[in-house]
N, C-alpha and C. Protein backbone atom coordinates (compact mmCIF):
# COMPACT_ATOMS: atom_id res chain seq x y z
N MET A 1 5.99 -90.87 2.62
CA MET A 1 7.04 -91.83 2.79
C MET A 1 6.64 -92.86 3.81
N GLY A 2 5.65 -93.45 3.85
CA GLY A 2 5.11 -94.46 4.73
C GLY A 2 5.82 -94.73 6.03
N LYS A 3 5.08 -95.31 6.93
CA LYS A 3 5.62 -95.62 8.25
C LYS A 3 6.46 -96.88 8.25
N ASP A 4 6.06 -97.86 7.48
CA ASP A 4 6.78 -99.13 7.45
C ASP A 4 7.96 -99.03 6.50
N LEU A 5 9.14 -99.34 7.01
CA LEU A 5 10.32 -99.35 6.15
C LEU A 5 10.25 -100.50 5.16
N LEU A 6 9.89 -101.65 5.68
CA LEU A 6 9.74 -102.85 4.86
C LEU A 6 8.40 -103.47 5.21
N PRO A 7 7.37 -103.18 4.44
CA PRO A 7 6.03 -103.69 4.77
C PRO A 7 6.04 -105.21 4.96
N GLY A 8 5.38 -105.65 6.02
CA GLY A 8 5.30 -107.08 6.31
C GLY A 8 6.46 -107.62 7.13
N ILE A 9 7.45 -106.78 7.42
CA ILE A 9 8.62 -107.21 8.20
C ILE A 9 8.53 -106.61 9.60
N ASP A 10 8.78 -107.43 10.61
CA ASP A 10 8.73 -106.97 12.00
C ASP A 10 9.82 -105.92 12.21
N GLY A 11 9.43 -104.74 12.61
CA GLY A 11 10.37 -103.64 12.80
C GLY A 11 11.15 -103.68 14.10
N ARG A 12 11.01 -104.76 14.87
CA ARG A 12 11.71 -104.86 16.15
C ARG A 12 13.03 -105.60 16.05
N SER A 13 13.36 -106.13 14.89
CA SER A 13 14.62 -106.86 14.77
C SER A 13 15.79 -105.88 14.89
N LYS A 14 16.96 -106.42 15.19
CA LYS A 14 18.16 -105.60 15.32
C LYS A 14 18.43 -104.85 14.02
N TRP A 15 18.30 -105.55 12.90
CA TRP A 15 18.51 -104.95 11.58
C TRP A 15 17.53 -103.80 11.36
N ALA A 16 16.25 -104.04 11.62
CA ALA A 16 15.22 -103.02 11.37
C ALA A 16 15.43 -101.79 12.26
N ARG A 17 15.81 -102.01 13.52
CA ARG A 17 16.05 -100.87 14.42
C ARG A 17 17.25 -100.06 13.95
N ARG A 18 18.31 -100.74 13.53
CA ARG A 18 19.50 -100.03 13.03
C ARG A 18 19.15 -99.29 11.75
N MET A 19 18.37 -99.92 10.89
CA MET A 19 17.94 -99.30 9.63
C MET A 19 17.16 -98.02 9.94
N HIS A 20 16.23 -98.11 10.87
CA HIS A 20 15.42 -96.95 11.26
C HIS A 20 16.32 -95.81 11.75
N ASP A 21 17.30 -96.13 12.61
CA ASP A 21 18.19 -95.11 13.16
C ASP A 21 19.02 -94.45 12.07
N LEU A 22 19.58 -95.26 11.17
CA LEU A 22 20.39 -94.70 10.08
C LEU A 22 19.55 -93.82 9.17
N ILE A 23 18.37 -94.29 8.81
CA ILE A 23 17.49 -93.49 7.94
C ILE A 23 17.16 -92.17 8.61
N ALA A 24 16.83 -92.22 9.89
CA ALA A 24 16.51 -90.98 10.62
C ALA A 24 17.69 -90.02 10.60
N ASN A 25 18.90 -90.54 10.78
CA ASN A 25 20.10 -89.68 10.76
C ASN A 25 20.33 -89.08 9.38
N TYR A 26 20.21 -89.89 8.34
CA TYR A 26 20.40 -89.38 6.98
C TYR A 26 19.35 -88.33 6.63
N VAL A 27 18.10 -88.55 7.04
CA VAL A 27 17.03 -87.59 6.77
C VAL A 27 17.34 -86.26 7.47
N VAL A 28 17.80 -86.32 8.71
CA VAL A 28 18.18 -85.10 9.42
C VAL A 28 19.32 -84.40 8.70
N ASP A 29 20.31 -85.17 8.23
CA ASP A 29 21.44 -84.59 7.50
C ASP A 29 20.99 -83.84 6.25
N LEU A 30 19.87 -84.26 5.68
CA LEU A 30 19.35 -83.60 4.47
C LEU A 30 18.32 -82.52 4.78
N GLY A 31 18.15 -82.18 6.04
CA GLY A 31 17.28 -81.07 6.37
C GLY A 31 15.93 -81.43 6.94
N GLY A 32 15.67 -82.70 7.18
CA GLY A 32 14.41 -83.12 7.78
C GLY A 32 13.44 -83.71 6.79
N GLU A 33 12.42 -84.39 7.33
CA GLU A 33 11.44 -85.10 6.50
C GLU A 33 10.77 -84.23 5.46
N GLU A 34 10.46 -83.00 5.86
CA GLU A 34 9.73 -82.12 4.94
C GLU A 34 10.55 -81.71 3.73
N ARG A 35 11.86 -81.90 3.78
CA ARG A 35 12.72 -81.50 2.66
C ARG A 35 13.20 -82.67 1.82
N VAL A 36 12.94 -83.89 2.26
CA VAL A 36 13.42 -85.08 1.56
C VAL A 36 12.36 -85.57 0.57
N THR A 37 12.77 -85.72 -0.68
CA THR A 37 11.85 -86.23 -1.71
C THR A 37 11.78 -87.75 -1.63
N GLN A 38 10.80 -88.32 -2.32
CA GLN A 38 10.67 -89.78 -2.34
C GLN A 38 11.91 -90.42 -2.98
N ALA A 39 12.44 -89.80 -4.02
CA ALA A 39 13.64 -90.33 -4.67
C ALA A 39 14.82 -90.33 -3.69
N GLN A 40 14.97 -89.25 -2.94
CA GLN A 40 16.03 -89.19 -1.95
C GLN A 40 15.82 -90.24 -0.87
N PHE A 41 14.57 -90.43 -0.46
CA PHE A 41 14.27 -91.42 0.58
C PHE A 41 14.65 -92.82 0.11
N THR A 42 14.41 -93.11 -1.16
CA THR A 42 14.80 -94.42 -1.72
C THR A 42 16.31 -94.60 -1.63
N LEU A 43 17.06 -93.55 -1.97
CA LEU A 43 18.52 -93.62 -1.88
C LEU A 43 18.98 -93.72 -0.42
N ILE A 44 18.28 -93.04 0.46
CA ILE A 44 18.61 -93.12 1.89
C ILE A 44 18.44 -94.54 2.40
N LYS A 45 17.35 -95.20 2.01
CA LYS A 45 17.14 -96.59 2.43
C LYS A 45 18.27 -97.48 1.90
N ALA A 46 18.67 -97.25 0.66
CA ALA A 46 19.77 -98.04 0.09
C ALA A 46 21.07 -97.78 0.85
N ALA A 47 21.33 -96.52 1.19
CA ALA A 47 22.54 -96.17 1.93
C ALA A 47 22.52 -96.82 3.32
N ALA A 48 21.38 -96.81 3.96
CA ALA A 48 21.26 -97.43 5.29
C ALA A 48 21.51 -98.93 5.20
N THR A 49 20.94 -99.56 4.18
CA THR A 49 21.14 -101.00 3.99
C THR A 49 22.61 -101.32 3.78
N MET A 50 23.27 -100.55 2.90
CA MET A 50 24.70 -100.78 2.65
C MET A 50 25.53 -100.55 3.90
N THR A 51 25.17 -99.55 4.68
CA THR A 51 25.90 -99.28 5.92
C THR A 51 25.83 -100.47 6.87
N ILE A 52 24.64 -101.04 7.00
CA ILE A 52 24.47 -102.21 7.88
C ILE A 52 25.26 -103.40 7.35
N ILE A 53 25.22 -103.61 6.06
CA ILE A 53 25.98 -104.71 5.45
C ILE A 53 27.47 -104.53 5.75
N LEU A 54 27.98 -103.31 5.57
CA LEU A 54 29.39 -103.05 5.84
C LEU A 54 29.72 -103.24 7.32
N GLU A 55 28.84 -102.80 8.19
CA GLU A 55 29.07 -103.00 9.63
C GLU A 55 29.14 -104.48 9.97
N ASN A 56 28.27 -105.27 9.37
CA ASN A 56 28.29 -106.72 9.61
C ASN A 56 29.58 -107.35 9.09
N TRP A 57 30.04 -106.91 7.92
CA TRP A 57 31.32 -107.40 7.39
C TRP A 57 32.45 -107.04 8.35
N GLU A 58 32.45 -105.81 8.86
CA GLU A 58 33.52 -105.37 9.76
C GLU A 58 33.55 -106.22 11.03
N VAL A 59 32.39 -106.58 11.54
CA VAL A 59 32.33 -107.47 12.70
C VAL A 59 32.95 -108.82 12.35
N GLU A 60 32.60 -109.34 11.19
CA GLU A 60 33.15 -110.64 10.77
C GLU A 60 34.66 -110.55 10.59
N PHE A 61 35.15 -109.46 10.00
CA PHE A 61 36.59 -109.29 9.83
C PHE A 61 37.28 -109.24 11.20
N ALA A 62 36.66 -108.60 12.17
CA ALA A 62 37.25 -108.47 13.50
C ALA A 62 37.33 -109.82 14.21
N LYS A 63 36.45 -110.75 13.87
CA LYS A 63 36.43 -112.07 14.50
C LYS A 63 37.50 -113.00 13.95
N ILE A 64 38.07 -112.66 12.83
CA ILE A 64 39.05 -113.54 12.18
C ILE A 64 40.31 -113.62 13.04
N GLY A 65 40.75 -114.82 13.30
CA GLY A 65 41.94 -115.04 14.11
C GLY A 65 43.20 -114.91 13.28
N LYS A 66 44.34 -115.03 13.97
CA LYS A 66 45.62 -114.85 13.29
C LYS A 66 45.92 -115.97 12.30
N ASP A 67 45.27 -117.12 12.44
CA ASP A 67 45.53 -118.23 11.54
C ASP A 67 44.55 -118.27 10.37
N THR A 68 43.63 -117.32 10.32
CA THR A 68 42.61 -117.29 9.27
C THR A 68 42.81 -116.05 8.43
N LEU A 69 42.62 -116.19 7.14
CA LEU A 69 42.76 -115.05 6.23
C LEU A 69 41.41 -114.65 5.67
N VAL A 70 41.26 -113.37 5.41
CA VAL A 70 40.08 -112.88 4.72
C VAL A 70 40.27 -113.24 3.25
N THR A 71 39.22 -113.72 2.63
CA THR A 71 39.35 -114.10 1.22
C THR A 71 39.31 -112.87 0.34
N LEU A 72 39.91 -113.00 -0.82
CA LEU A 72 39.90 -111.91 -1.80
C LEU A 72 38.46 -111.57 -2.18
N LYS A 73 37.63 -112.59 -2.31
CA LYS A 73 36.22 -112.37 -2.65
C LYS A 73 35.54 -111.51 -1.58
N ASP A 74 35.81 -111.81 -0.31
CA ASP A 74 35.22 -111.02 0.78
C ASP A 74 35.69 -109.57 0.72
N LEU A 75 36.98 -109.38 0.52
CA LEU A 75 37.51 -108.02 0.45
C LEU A 75 36.94 -107.25 -0.74
N LEU A 76 36.84 -107.91 -1.88
CA LEU A 76 36.28 -107.24 -3.06
C LEU A 76 34.81 -106.91 -2.88
N THR A 77 34.07 -107.80 -2.24
CA THR A 77 32.66 -107.53 -1.96
C THR A 77 32.53 -106.35 -1.02
N TYR A 78 33.34 -106.32 0.01
CA TYR A 78 33.33 -105.20 0.96
C TYR A 78 33.67 -103.90 0.24
N GLN A 79 34.72 -103.92 -0.56
CA GLN A 79 35.16 -102.72 -1.27
C GLN A 79 34.09 -102.24 -2.25
N THR A 80 33.47 -103.15 -2.96
CA THR A 80 32.42 -102.79 -3.92
C THR A 80 31.24 -102.15 -3.20
N THR A 81 30.85 -102.74 -2.08
CA THR A 81 29.74 -102.18 -1.30
C THR A 81 30.11 -100.80 -0.76
N GLN A 82 31.34 -100.65 -0.27
CA GLN A 82 31.81 -99.36 0.24
C GLN A 82 31.77 -98.30 -0.85
N ASN A 83 32.23 -98.65 -2.04
CA ASN A 83 32.21 -97.70 -3.15
C ASN A 83 30.78 -97.34 -3.55
N SER A 84 29.89 -98.31 -3.53
CA SER A 84 28.49 -98.04 -3.85
C SER A 84 27.88 -97.10 -2.81
N LEU A 85 28.21 -97.32 -1.54
CA LEU A 85 27.71 -96.44 -0.48
C LEU A 85 28.24 -95.02 -0.68
N ARG A 86 29.53 -94.91 -0.98
CA ARG A 86 30.11 -93.58 -1.20
C ARG A 86 29.40 -92.85 -2.33
N ARG A 87 29.17 -93.54 -3.44
CA ARG A 87 28.49 -92.91 -4.58
C ARG A 87 27.05 -92.53 -4.23
N THR A 88 26.37 -93.38 -3.48
CA THR A 88 25.00 -93.07 -3.07
C THR A 88 24.97 -91.84 -2.17
N LEU A 89 25.88 -91.79 -1.21
CA LEU A 89 25.94 -90.63 -0.31
C LEU A 89 26.31 -89.36 -1.08
N GLU A 90 27.22 -89.49 -2.04
CA GLU A 90 27.57 -88.33 -2.86
C GLU A 90 26.37 -87.84 -3.66
N SER A 91 25.59 -88.76 -4.22
CA SER A 91 24.43 -88.35 -5.01
C SER A 91 23.38 -87.67 -4.13
N LEU A 92 23.38 -87.99 -2.84
CA LEU A 92 22.47 -87.32 -1.90
C LEU A 92 23.04 -85.99 -1.40
N GLY A 93 24.29 -85.72 -1.73
CA GLY A 93 24.93 -84.50 -1.25
C GLY A 93 25.53 -84.66 0.14
N LEU A 94 25.74 -85.88 0.56
CA LEU A 94 26.30 -86.15 1.89
C LEU A 94 27.76 -86.59 1.81
N ASP A 95 28.44 -86.16 0.77
CA ASP A 95 29.80 -86.62 0.54
C ASP A 95 30.85 -85.83 1.31
N ARG A 96 30.51 -84.67 1.81
CA ARG A 96 31.51 -83.88 2.53
C ARG A 96 30.82 -83.05 3.59
N VAL A 97 31.62 -82.55 4.50
CA VAL A 97 31.10 -81.69 5.56
C VAL A 97 31.37 -80.26 5.15
N ASN A 98 30.34 -79.45 5.14
CA ASN A 98 30.52 -78.04 4.81
C ASN A 98 31.22 -77.32 5.94
N ALA A 99 32.04 -76.35 5.58
CA ALA A 99 32.75 -75.57 6.58
C ALA A 99 31.75 -74.76 7.39
N PRO A 100 32.01 -74.62 8.68
CA PRO A 100 31.11 -73.80 9.50
C PRO A 100 31.07 -72.37 8.98
N ARG A 101 29.92 -71.74 9.08
CA ARG A 101 29.74 -70.39 8.56
C ARG A 101 30.43 -69.33 9.41
N ASP A 102 30.75 -69.66 10.65
CA ASP A 102 31.36 -68.66 11.52
C ASP A 102 32.88 -68.60 11.39
N GLY A 103 33.45 -69.36 10.46
CA GLY A 103 34.88 -69.33 10.23
C GLY A 103 35.68 -70.22 11.16
N THR A 104 35.03 -70.88 12.08
CA THR A 104 35.71 -71.77 13.01
C THR A 104 35.86 -73.13 12.36
N SER A 105 37.05 -73.69 12.40
CA SER A 105 37.25 -75.00 11.79
C SER A 105 36.48 -76.05 12.57
N ARG A 106 36.15 -77.15 11.90
CA ARG A 106 35.43 -78.25 12.55
C ARG A 106 36.26 -78.78 13.72
N GLN A 107 37.57 -78.83 13.50
CA GLN A 107 38.47 -79.32 14.55
C GLN A 107 38.36 -78.43 15.79
N MET A 108 38.28 -77.12 15.59
CA MET A 108 38.18 -76.20 16.72
C MET A 108 36.85 -76.36 17.44
N GLN A 109 35.79 -76.69 16.71
CA GLN A 109 34.48 -76.85 17.32
C GLN A 109 34.43 -78.06 18.25
N GLU A 110 35.29 -79.05 18.01
CA GLU A 110 35.28 -80.26 18.82
C GLU A 110 35.85 -80.01 20.22
N TYR A 111 36.60 -78.95 20.37
CA TYR A 111 37.18 -78.64 21.66
C TYR A 111 36.22 -77.76 22.46
N ARG A 112 36.34 -77.80 23.75
CA ARG A 112 35.52 -76.94 24.62
C ARG A 112 36.25 -75.62 24.78
N LEU A 113 36.10 -74.78 23.77
CA LEU A 113 36.85 -73.53 23.77
C LEU A 113 36.42 -72.59 24.88
N ASN A 114 35.23 -72.80 25.43
CA ASN A 114 34.81 -71.93 26.52
C ASN A 114 35.67 -72.12 27.76
N GLN A 115 36.45 -73.19 27.78
CA GLN A 115 37.38 -73.42 28.89
C GLN A 115 38.64 -72.57 28.74
N LEU A 116 38.83 -71.99 27.54
CA LEU A 116 40.03 -71.20 27.27
C LEU A 116 39.70 -69.72 27.28
N THR A 117 40.69 -68.92 27.64
CA THR A 117 40.53 -67.47 27.54
C THR A 117 40.64 -67.09 26.07
N ALA A 118 40.27 -65.86 25.75
CA ALA A 118 40.37 -65.38 24.37
C ALA A 118 41.82 -65.46 23.89
N ASP A 119 42.76 -65.11 24.74
CA ASP A 119 44.17 -65.18 24.39
C ASP A 119 44.60 -66.62 24.11
N GLU A 120 44.14 -67.55 24.94
CA GLU A 120 44.49 -68.96 24.74
C GLU A 120 43.90 -69.49 23.44
N ARG A 121 42.67 -69.09 23.12
CA ARG A 121 42.05 -69.52 21.85
C ARG A 121 42.86 -69.01 20.67
N GLU A 122 43.31 -67.78 20.75
CA GLU A 122 44.12 -67.21 19.67
C GLU A 122 45.46 -67.93 19.53
N ARG A 123 46.02 -68.38 20.63
CA ARG A 123 47.28 -69.13 20.58
C ARG A 123 47.08 -70.55 20.06
N LEU A 124 45.89 -71.13 20.32
CA LEU A 124 45.61 -72.51 19.90
C LEU A 124 45.39 -72.62 18.40
N LYS A 125 44.67 -71.67 17.81
CA LYS A 125 44.31 -71.76 16.39
C LYS A 125 45.52 -71.99 15.47
N PRO A 126 46.57 -71.16 15.55
CA PRO A 126 47.70 -71.39 14.63
C PRO A 126 48.43 -72.71 14.89
N LEU A 127 48.43 -73.16 16.13
CA LEU A 127 49.08 -74.44 16.43
C LEU A 127 48.32 -75.59 15.77
N LEU A 128 46.99 -75.55 15.84
CA LEU A 128 46.18 -76.60 15.20
C LEU A 128 46.31 -76.54 13.69
N GLU A 129 46.38 -75.34 13.14
CA GLU A 129 46.56 -75.21 11.70
C GLU A 129 47.92 -75.76 11.27
N LEU A 130 48.91 -75.54 12.10
CA LEU A 130 50.26 -76.01 11.79
C LEU A 130 50.34 -77.54 11.78
N VAL A 131 49.72 -78.20 12.75
CA VAL A 131 49.77 -79.67 12.78
C VAL A 131 48.84 -80.28 11.74
N GLY A 132 47.79 -79.56 11.35
CA GLY A 132 46.89 -80.02 10.29
C GLY A 132 45.97 -81.14 10.73
N PRO A 133 45.11 -81.57 9.79
CA PRO A 133 44.10 -82.58 10.11
C PRO A 133 44.69 -83.95 10.43
N ASN A 134 45.93 -84.20 10.00
CA ASN A 134 46.56 -85.50 10.26
C ASN A 134 47.36 -85.49 11.56
N HIS A 135 47.27 -84.39 12.30
CA HIS A 135 47.93 -84.26 13.61
C HIS A 135 49.43 -84.55 13.51
N ASN A 136 50.08 -83.90 12.55
CA ASN A 136 51.50 -84.09 12.32
C ASN A 136 52.30 -83.24 13.31
N LEU A 137 52.57 -83.80 14.48
CA LEU A 137 53.23 -83.07 15.55
C LEU A 137 54.70 -82.79 15.27
N GLU A 138 55.29 -83.49 14.30
CA GLU A 138 56.69 -83.26 13.99
C GLU A 138 56.94 -81.87 13.45
N LYS A 139 55.89 -81.21 12.98
CA LYS A 139 56.03 -79.85 12.45
C LYS A 139 56.25 -78.82 13.55
N LEU A 140 56.00 -79.20 14.79
CA LEU A 140 56.09 -78.25 15.90
C LEU A 140 57.46 -78.28 16.55
N LYS A 141 57.90 -77.10 16.96
CA LYS A 141 59.10 -76.99 17.78
C LYS A 141 58.73 -77.41 19.19
N ALA A 142 59.72 -77.68 20.02
CA ALA A 142 59.48 -78.18 21.38
C ALA A 142 58.58 -77.24 22.18
N GLU A 143 58.84 -75.94 22.11
CA GLU A 143 58.02 -75.00 22.89
C GLU A 143 56.59 -74.93 22.35
N GLN A 144 56.42 -75.10 21.02
CA GLN A 144 55.08 -75.12 20.44
C GLN A 144 54.33 -76.38 20.88
N LEU A 145 55.04 -77.49 20.92
CA LEU A 145 54.43 -78.74 21.34
C LEU A 145 53.97 -78.66 22.80
N ASN A 146 54.81 -78.08 23.64
CA ASN A 146 54.43 -77.90 25.05
C ASN A 146 53.22 -76.98 25.19
N GLU A 147 53.21 -75.91 24.40
CA GLU A 147 52.07 -74.98 24.42
C GLU A 147 50.79 -75.69 23.99
N LEU A 148 50.87 -76.47 22.90
CA LEU A 148 49.71 -77.21 22.41
C LEU A 148 49.21 -78.19 23.48
N HIS A 149 50.11 -78.90 24.08
CA HIS A 149 49.75 -79.86 25.13
C HIS A 149 49.02 -79.16 26.27
N SER A 150 49.55 -78.05 26.70
CA SER A 150 48.95 -77.30 27.80
C SER A 150 47.55 -76.80 27.44
N LEU A 151 47.39 -76.26 26.25
CA LEU A 151 46.09 -75.74 25.82
C LEU A 151 45.07 -76.86 25.64
N LEU A 152 45.51 -77.97 25.06
CA LEU A 152 44.58 -79.08 24.83
C LEU A 152 44.13 -79.71 26.15
N GLN A 153 45.01 -79.76 27.12
CA GLN A 153 44.61 -80.28 28.43
C GLN A 153 43.44 -79.48 28.98
N LYS A 154 43.46 -78.20 28.73
CA LYS A 154 42.40 -77.34 29.24
C LYS A 154 41.16 -77.37 28.34
N ALA A 155 41.35 -77.55 27.03
CA ALA A 155 40.25 -77.43 26.07
C ALA A 155 39.50 -78.72 25.80
N LEU A 156 40.15 -79.86 25.96
CA LEU A 156 39.47 -81.11 25.64
C LEU A 156 38.42 -81.43 26.70
N PRO A 157 37.28 -82.02 26.25
CA PRO A 157 36.21 -82.32 27.20
C PRO A 157 36.61 -83.35 28.25
N MET A 158 37.55 -84.19 27.93
CA MET A 158 38.06 -85.17 28.89
C MET A 158 39.57 -85.12 28.81
N LYS A 159 40.21 -85.64 29.78
CA LYS A 159 41.67 -85.61 29.76
C LYS A 159 42.21 -86.70 28.84
N ILE A 160 41.79 -86.62 27.59
CA ILE A 160 42.22 -87.59 26.59
C ILE A 160 43.73 -87.53 26.44
N ILE A 161 44.26 -86.36 26.55
CA ILE A 161 45.69 -86.16 26.36
C ILE A 161 46.51 -86.98 27.35
N ASP A 162 45.96 -87.23 28.55
CA ASP A 162 46.66 -88.02 29.56
C ASP A 162 46.21 -89.47 29.58
N GLY A 163 45.26 -89.82 28.71
CA GLY A 163 44.78 -91.19 28.66
C GLY A 163 43.73 -91.53 29.70
N THR A 164 43.16 -90.52 30.35
CA THR A 164 42.10 -90.78 31.33
C THR A 164 40.79 -90.24 30.80
N TYR A 165 39.70 -90.62 31.45
CA TYR A 165 38.39 -90.24 30.97
C TYR A 165 37.59 -89.43 31.98
N SER A 166 38.28 -88.70 32.83
CA SER A 166 37.57 -87.85 33.79
C SER A 166 38.08 -86.43 33.66
N ARG A 167 37.29 -85.49 34.09
CA ARG A 167 37.68 -84.08 33.98
C ARG A 167 38.45 -83.68 35.20
């Protein structure tokens, strides 16, 4: 799979560096260089290119002021590229995250559970399952909400719950 991503193109440009980083990440997601076929590498390059294009569009959309509208053509182009990226990632097998083998939900892995006692971890799991991936706090009773707040304050890596960024 050659060293040059685009032969004859200077690899120091912002685009080329981002392309290199994305390709490296996608290759790791597929198990490393030794497991990626040339066909997969071609799709990875296409996925990286589409990702950069979408990121550039998102920057342009963010620059639009309140008196300016995004054109339908721009939105359709963005949507078409997004759908192409999704299909490319799906064909590579990168369309979903596999559940952890240890039975711990991905959401639970994001918390610093080592900060909690075994009893606290057992109390946290059903609360997180109850609110679900969309964080629907309305499902909780007042005492459950207070319990969740207390446990998350202890389990989160930063005091995100209070809006600060220090421990």
